[in-house]
Amino acid sequence: HLAGSKTSFDIQLGDSSNACSQRVFSPPDNGMSKSYTLICPKGTPVSPMTLTALDTDGWFIEELQVQVDARSFTPMTPREIWCDKKPHDAASYYAGKPYQEVIQFQSTTAT
């Protein structure tokens, strides 16, 4: 469960009728943030955004923001959540924060 491990996850923007997805393999270093770029067809919605853990090395997501073209960043919720594939660690490992294998993020503003 350390950043920098060989964990990976899938990112999907939009729903099943209009989606864009990519597999991500490299987490940020521990305590650092990282940006990922998805090239999606024009009109792909920002929300919902689904993260699916593919490994049992969890990622703690403090904050997630999406930027389309040169527009401002769109904050997403939930915040402060673990993305971790089952079998999960003991609940005490997550220090009271929620944890899920599949997380659906929603935009906090109109996109």
N, C-alpha and C. Protein backbone atom coordinates (compact mmCIF):
# COMPACT_ATOMS: atom_id res chain seq x y z
N HIS A 1 0.81 -1.20 0.00
CA HIS A 1 0.00 0.00 0.00
C HIS A 1 0.85 1.25 0.00
N LEU A 2 1.98 1.21 -0.60
CA LEU A 2 2.83 2.39 -0.66
C LEU A 2 2.81 2.97 -2.06
N ALA A 3 2.71 4.29 -2.14
CA ALA A 3 2.83 4.93 -3.45
C ALA A 3 4.19 4.54 -4.01
N GLY A 4 4.28 4.38 -5.31
CA GLY A 4 5.51 3.96 -5.93
C GLY A 4 5.56 2.45 -6.15
N SER A 5 4.54 1.72 -5.70
CA SER A 5 4.50 0.28 -5.90
C SER A 5 4.09 -0.02 -7.33
N LYS A 6 3.92 -1.29 -7.64
CA LYS A 6 3.57 -1.69 -9.00
C LYS A 6 2.08 -1.77 -9.21
N THR A 7 1.32 -0.99 -8.49
CA THR A 7 -0.13 -1.03 -8.59
C THR A 7 -0.62 -0.34 -9.85
N SER A 8 -1.85 -0.64 -10.22
CA SER A 8 -2.44 0.01 -11.39
C SER A 8 -3.94 0.11 -11.20
N PHE A 9 -4.57 0.97 -12.00
CA PHE A 9 -6.01 1.07 -11.98
C PHE A 9 -6.50 1.56 -13.32
N ASP A 10 -7.79 1.39 -13.58
CA ASP A 10 -8.43 1.88 -14.79
C ASP A 10 -9.17 3.17 -14.47
N ILE A 11 -9.09 4.13 -15.38
CA ILE A 11 -9.85 5.37 -15.28
C ILE A 11 -10.85 5.37 -16.42
N GLN A 12 -12.10 5.68 -16.14
CA GLN A 12 -13.11 5.82 -17.19
C GLN A 12 -13.86 7.11 -16.98
N LEU A 13 -13.94 7.92 -18.01
CA LEU A 13 -14.77 9.13 -18.00
C LEU A 13 -16.05 8.82 -18.74
N GLY A 14 -17.15 9.37 -18.26
CA GLY A 14 -18.43 9.18 -18.92
C GLY A 14 -19.10 7.88 -18.52
N ASP A 15 -20.25 7.62 -19.14
CA ASP A 15 -21.00 6.40 -18.84
C ASP A 15 -20.85 5.41 -19.98
N SER A 16 -21.55 4.29 -19.89
CA SER A 16 -21.38 3.23 -20.89
C SER A 16 -21.74 3.65 -22.30
N SER A 17 -22.59 4.66 -22.46
CA SER A 17 -22.99 5.08 -23.80
C SER A 17 -22.01 6.07 -24.42
N ASN A 18 -21.16 6.70 -23.61
CA ASN A 18 -20.21 7.70 -24.13
C ASN A 18 -19.03 7.75 -23.18
N ALA A 19 -18.11 6.78 -23.31
CA ALA A 19 -17.02 6.65 -22.35
C ALA A 19 -15.66 6.70 -23.02
N CYS A 20 -14.67 7.04 -22.22
CA CYS A 20 -13.28 7.08 -22.62
C CYS A 20 -12.50 6.48 -21.46
N SER A 21 -11.59 5.54 -21.71
CA SER A 21 -10.89 4.92 -20.59
C SER A 21 -9.41 4.74 -20.88
N GLN A 22 -8.66 4.53 -19.79
CA GLN A 22 -7.21 4.33 -19.89
C GLN A 22 -6.74 3.58 -18.65
N ARG A 23 -5.74 2.73 -18.80
CA ARG A 23 -5.12 2.04 -17.67
C ARG A 23 -3.91 2.86 -17.22
N VAL A 24 -3.77 3.05 -15.92
CA VAL A 24 -2.67 3.83 -15.34
C VAL A 24 -1.83 2.88 -14.51
N PHE A 25 -0.51 2.95 -14.69
CA PHE A 25 0.38 2.01 -14.01
C PHE A 25 1.30 2.64 -12.97
N SER A 26 1.52 3.91 -13.03
CA SER A 26 2.54 4.48 -12.14
C SER A 26 1.94 5.48 -11.17
N PRO A 27 1.85 5.08 -9.89
CA PRO A 27 1.34 6.02 -8.89
C PRO A 27 2.38 7.09 -8.60
N PRO A 28 1.96 8.18 -7.99
CA PRO A 28 2.93 9.20 -7.59
C PRO A 28 3.78 8.69 -6.43
N ASP A 29 4.92 9.34 -6.22
CA ASP A 29 5.73 9.02 -5.05
C ASP A 29 4.94 9.33 -3.80
N ASN A 30 5.26 8.67 -2.71
CA ASN A 30 4.55 8.84 -1.45
C ASN A 30 4.48 10.31 -1.05
N GLY A 31 3.26 10.78 -0.80
CA GLY A 31 3.05 12.16 -0.38
C GLY A 31 3.02 13.17 -1.51
N MET A 32 3.14 12.73 -2.74
CA MET A 32 3.18 13.63 -3.90
C MET A 32 1.89 13.49 -4.72
N SER A 33 1.63 14.49 -5.57
CA SER A 33 0.50 14.41 -6.48
C SER A 33 1.02 14.11 -7.88
N LYS A 34 0.12 13.73 -8.75
CA LYS A 34 0.52 13.39 -10.11
C LYS A 34 -0.64 13.69 -11.05
N SER A 35 -0.33 14.09 -12.27
CA SER A 35 -1.34 14.35 -13.29
C SER A 35 -1.29 13.25 -14.34
N TYR A 36 -2.46 12.90 -14.85
CA TYR A 36 -2.58 11.92 -15.92
C TYR A 36 -3.37 12.56 -17.05
N THR A 37 -3.02 12.25 -18.28
CA THR A 37 -3.70 12.81 -19.44
C THR A 37 -4.45 11.70 -20.17
N LEU A 38 -5.73 11.93 -20.38
CA LEU A 38 -6.55 11.04 -21.20
C LEU A 38 -6.96 11.82 -22.44
N ILE A 39 -6.76 11.25 -23.59
CA ILE A 39 -7.21 11.86 -24.83
C ILE A 39 -8.55 11.20 -25.18
N CYS A 40 -9.62 11.97 -25.08
CA CYS A 40 -10.97 11.44 -25.29
C CYS A 40 -11.65 12.17 -26.44
N PRO A 41 -12.60 11.52 -27.08
CA PRO A 41 -13.35 12.20 -28.14
C PRO A 41 -14.09 13.42 -27.60
N LYS A 42 -14.23 14.41 -28.46
CA LYS A 42 -14.98 15.61 -28.08
C LYS A 42 -16.38 15.21 -27.63
N GLY A 43 -16.83 15.81 -26.56
CA GLY A 43 -18.16 15.52 -26.04
C GLY A 43 -18.19 14.45 -24.96
N THR A 44 -17.05 13.82 -24.66
CA THR A 44 -17.02 12.84 -23.58
C THR A 44 -17.27 13.58 -22.27
N PRO A 45 -18.26 13.18 -21.49
CA PRO A 45 -18.54 13.89 -20.24
C PRO A 45 -17.45 13.65 -19.19
N VAL A 46 -17.22 14.65 -18.36
CA VAL A 46 -16.25 14.55 -17.27
C VAL A 46 -16.81 13.69 -16.14
N SER A 47 -18.10 13.76 -15.94
CA SER A 47 -18.73 13.08 -14.81
C SER A 47 -19.81 12.14 -15.33
N PRO A 48 -19.90 10.92 -14.87
CA PRO A 48 -19.11 10.37 -13.78
C PRO A 48 -17.73 9.92 -14.26
N MET A 49 -16.81 9.80 -13.30
CA MET A 49 -15.48 9.27 -13.53
C MET A 49 -15.32 8.07 -12.61
N THR A 50 -14.96 6.93 -13.18
CA THR A 50 -14.86 5.70 -12.41
C THR A 50 -13.41 5.25 -12.32
N LEU A 51 -12.94 4.98 -11.11
CA LEU A 51 -11.63 4.39 -10.88
C LEU A 51 -11.84 2.97 -10.40
N THR A 52 -11.14 2.02 -11.02
CA THR A 52 -11.22 0.62 -10.65
C THR A 52 -9.83 0.13 -10.28
N ALA A 53 -9.65 -0.32 -9.04
CA ALA A 53 -8.37 -0.86 -8.60
C ALA A 53 -8.12 -2.20 -9.29
N LEU A 54 -6.93 -2.39 -9.80
CA LEU A 54 -6.57 -3.65 -10.46
C LEU A 54 -5.60 -4.48 -9.63
N ASP A 55 -5.08 -3.91 -8.56
CA ASP A 55 -4.12 -4.59 -7.69
C ASP A 55 -4.48 -4.32 -6.23
N THR A 56 -3.86 -5.09 -5.35
CA THR A 56 -4.15 -4.95 -3.93
C THR A 56 -3.25 -3.94 -3.23
N ASP A 57 -2.43 -3.21 -3.96
CA ASP A 57 -1.70 -2.07 -3.40
C ASP A 57 -2.62 -0.87 -3.56
N GLY A 58 -3.19 -0.39 -2.46
CA GLY A 58 -4.18 0.68 -2.53
C GLY A 58 -3.58 2.05 -2.77
N TRP A 59 -4.39 2.92 -3.32
CA TRP A 59 -4.04 4.33 -3.52
C TRP A 59 -4.96 5.16 -2.64
N PHE A 60 -4.40 6.06 -1.86
CA PHE A 60 -5.21 6.99 -1.09
C PHE A 60 -5.40 8.23 -1.94
N ILE A 61 -6.63 8.56 -2.23
CA ILE A 61 -6.94 9.71 -3.08
C ILE A 61 -7.45 10.82 -2.19
N GLU A 62 -6.61 11.84 -2.01
CA GLU A 62 -7.02 12.99 -1.21
C GLU A 62 -7.99 13.86 -1.98
N GLU A 63 -7.68 14.10 -3.25
CA GLU A 63 -8.46 15.00 -4.06
C GLU A 63 -8.30 14.60 -5.52
N LEU A 64 -9.36 14.74 -6.28
CA LEU A 64 -9.33 14.43 -7.70
C LEU A 64 -9.96 15.59 -8.44
N GLN A 65 -9.25 16.09 -9.46
CA GLN A 65 -9.75 17.19 -10.28
C GLN A 65 -9.57 16.82 -11.74
N VAL A 66 -10.49 17.27 -12.58
CA VAL A 66 -10.43 17.00 -14.01
C VAL A 66 -10.39 18.33 -14.75
N GLN A 67 -9.52 18.41 -15.75
CA GLN A 67 -9.43 19.61 -16.59
C GLN A 67 -9.69 19.21 -18.03
N VAL A 68 -10.58 19.92 -18.70
CA VAL A 68 -10.88 19.69 -20.10
C VAL A 68 -10.34 20.87 -20.89
N ASP A 69 -9.50 20.57 -21.87
CA ASP A 69 -8.85 21.60 -22.68
C ASP A 69 -8.18 22.61 -21.75
N ALA A 70 -8.33 23.88 -22.00
CA ALA A 70 -7.68 24.91 -21.18
C ALA A 70 -8.61 25.47 -20.11
N ARG A 71 -9.77 24.85 -19.93
CA ARG A 71 -10.70 25.32 -18.90
C ARG A 71 -10.14 25.08 -17.51
N SER A 72 -10.80 25.64 -16.52
CA SER A 72 -10.35 25.44 -15.14
C SER A 72 -10.60 24.00 -14.70
N PHE A 73 -9.93 23.61 -13.62
CA PHE A 73 -10.09 22.27 -13.07
C PHE A 73 -11.45 22.11 -12.41
N THR A 74 -12.05 20.95 -12.58
CA THR A 74 -13.33 20.61 -11.98
C THR A 74 -13.08 19.66 -10.81
N PRO A 75 -13.39 20.07 -9.57
CA PRO A 75 -13.23 19.16 -8.44
C PRO A 75 -14.24 18.00 -8.51
N MET A 76 -13.82 16.85 -8.03
CA MET A 76 -14.67 15.66 -8.03
C MET A 76 -14.83 15.16 -6.59
N THR A 77 -15.95 14.50 -6.33
CA THR A 77 -16.17 13.87 -5.04
C THR A 77 -16.49 12.39 -5.28
N PRO A 78 -16.17 11.50 -4.35
CA PRO A 78 -15.74 11.75 -2.98
C PRO A 78 -14.27 12.12 -2.90
N ARG A 79 -13.89 12.62 -1.75
CA ARG A 79 -12.49 12.95 -1.44
C ARG A 79 -12.05 12.08 -0.27
N GLU A 80 -10.74 11.99 -0.11
CA GLU A 80 -10.14 11.22 0.98
C GLU A 80 -10.72 9.81 1.07
N ILE A 81 -10.39 9.01 0.05
CA ILE A 81 -10.89 7.64 -0.06
C ILE A 81 -9.78 6.75 -0.62
N TRP A 82 -9.75 5.52 -0.16
CA TRP A 82 -8.81 4.53 -0.66
C TRP A 82 -9.41 3.79 -1.85
N CYS A 83 -8.63 3.64 -2.91
CA CYS A 83 -9.01 2.79 -4.05
C CYS A 83 -8.14 1.53 -3.92
N ASP A 84 -8.75 0.41 -3.55
CA ASP A 84 -7.99 -0.78 -3.20
C ASP A 84 -8.79 -2.03 -3.60
N LYS A 85 -8.11 -2.96 -4.26
CA LYS A 85 -8.77 -4.19 -4.71
C LYS A 85 -8.89 -5.18 -3.55
N LYS A 86 -9.98 -5.94 -3.55
CA LYS A 86 -10.16 -6.99 -2.55
C LYS A 86 -9.14 -8.09 -2.78
N PRO A 87 -8.68 -8.79 -1.74
CA PRO A 87 -9.14 -8.67 -0.36
C PRO A 87 -8.55 -7.42 0.29
N HIS A 88 -9.40 -6.70 1.00
CA HIS A 88 -8.96 -5.49 1.67
C HIS A 88 -8.14 -5.82 2.91
N ASP A 89 -7.32 -4.85 3.33
CA ASP A 89 -6.58 -4.98 4.57
C ASP A 89 -7.56 -4.86 5.74
N ALA A 90 -7.04 -5.03 6.94
CA ALA A 90 -7.86 -4.81 8.13
C ALA A 90 -8.34 -3.37 8.11
N ALA A 91 -9.57 -3.14 8.56
CA ALA A 91 -10.15 -1.80 8.53
C ALA A 91 -9.26 -0.77 9.22
N SER A 92 -8.51 -1.18 10.23
CA SER A 92 -7.64 -0.24 10.95
C SER A 92 -6.55 0.34 10.05
N TYR A 93 -6.16 -0.39 9.00
CA TYR A 93 -5.13 0.10 8.07
C TYR A 93 -5.57 1.41 7.41
N TYR A 94 -6.84 1.54 7.14
CA TYR A 94 -7.36 2.69 6.39
C TYR A 94 -7.62 3.90 7.29
N ALA A 95 -7.31 3.79 8.56
CA ALA A 95 -7.38 4.92 9.51
C ALA A 95 -8.73 5.64 9.47
N GLY A 96 -9.80 4.88 9.39
CA GLY A 96 -11.13 5.48 9.43
C GLY A 96 -11.61 6.07 8.12
N LYS A 97 -10.79 6.00 7.07
CA LYS A 97 -11.19 6.51 5.75
C LYS A 97 -11.91 5.41 4.98
N PRO A 98 -12.87 5.78 4.12
CA PRO A 98 -13.57 4.76 3.34
C PRO A 98 -12.63 4.11 2.32
N TYR A 99 -12.98 2.89 1.90
CA TYR A 99 -12.18 2.18 0.90
C TYR A 99 -13.11 1.36 0.01
N GLN A 100 -12.80 1.36 -1.28
CA GLN A 100 -13.60 0.64 -2.27
C GLN A 100 -12.72 0.17 -3.40
N GLU A 101 -13.16 -0.88 -4.08
CA GLU A 101 -12.46 -1.39 -5.26
C GLU A 101 -12.82 -0.57 -6.49
N VAL A 102 -14.08 -0.16 -6.58
CA VAL A 102 -14.57 0.65 -7.69
C VAL A 102 -15.17 1.92 -7.08
N ILE A 103 -14.68 3.07 -7.52
CA ILE A 103 -15.16 4.35 -6.98
C ILE A 103 -15.72 5.17 -8.14
N GLN A 104 -16.93 5.66 -7.98
CA GLN A 104 -17.51 6.54 -8.99
C GLN A 104 -17.48 7.97 -8.44
N PHE A 105 -16.71 8.81 -9.13
CA PHE A 105 -16.57 10.22 -8.76
C PHE A 105 -17.57 11.05 -9.55
N GLN A 106 -18.09 12.08 -8.91
CA GLN A 106 -19.02 13.00 -9.56
C GLN A 106 -18.43 14.40 -9.52
N SER A 107 -18.73 15.17 -10.53
CA SER A 107 -18.32 16.56 -10.59
C SER A 107 -19.06 17.36 -9.52
N THR A 108 -18.34 18.28 -8.89
CA THR A 108 -18.99 19.15 -7.89
C THR A 108 -19.51 20.43 -8.53
N THR A 109 -19.25 20.61 -9.82
CA THR A 109 -19.74 21.78 -10.56
C THR A 109 -20.29 21.33 -11.90
N ALA A 110 -21.07 22.16 -12.54
CA ALA A 110 -21.58 21.83 -13.87
C ALA A 110 -20.43 21.82 -14.86
N THR A 111 -20.42 20.83 -15.77
CA THR A 111 -19.35 20.73 -16.76
C THR A 111 -19.89 20.90 -18.15
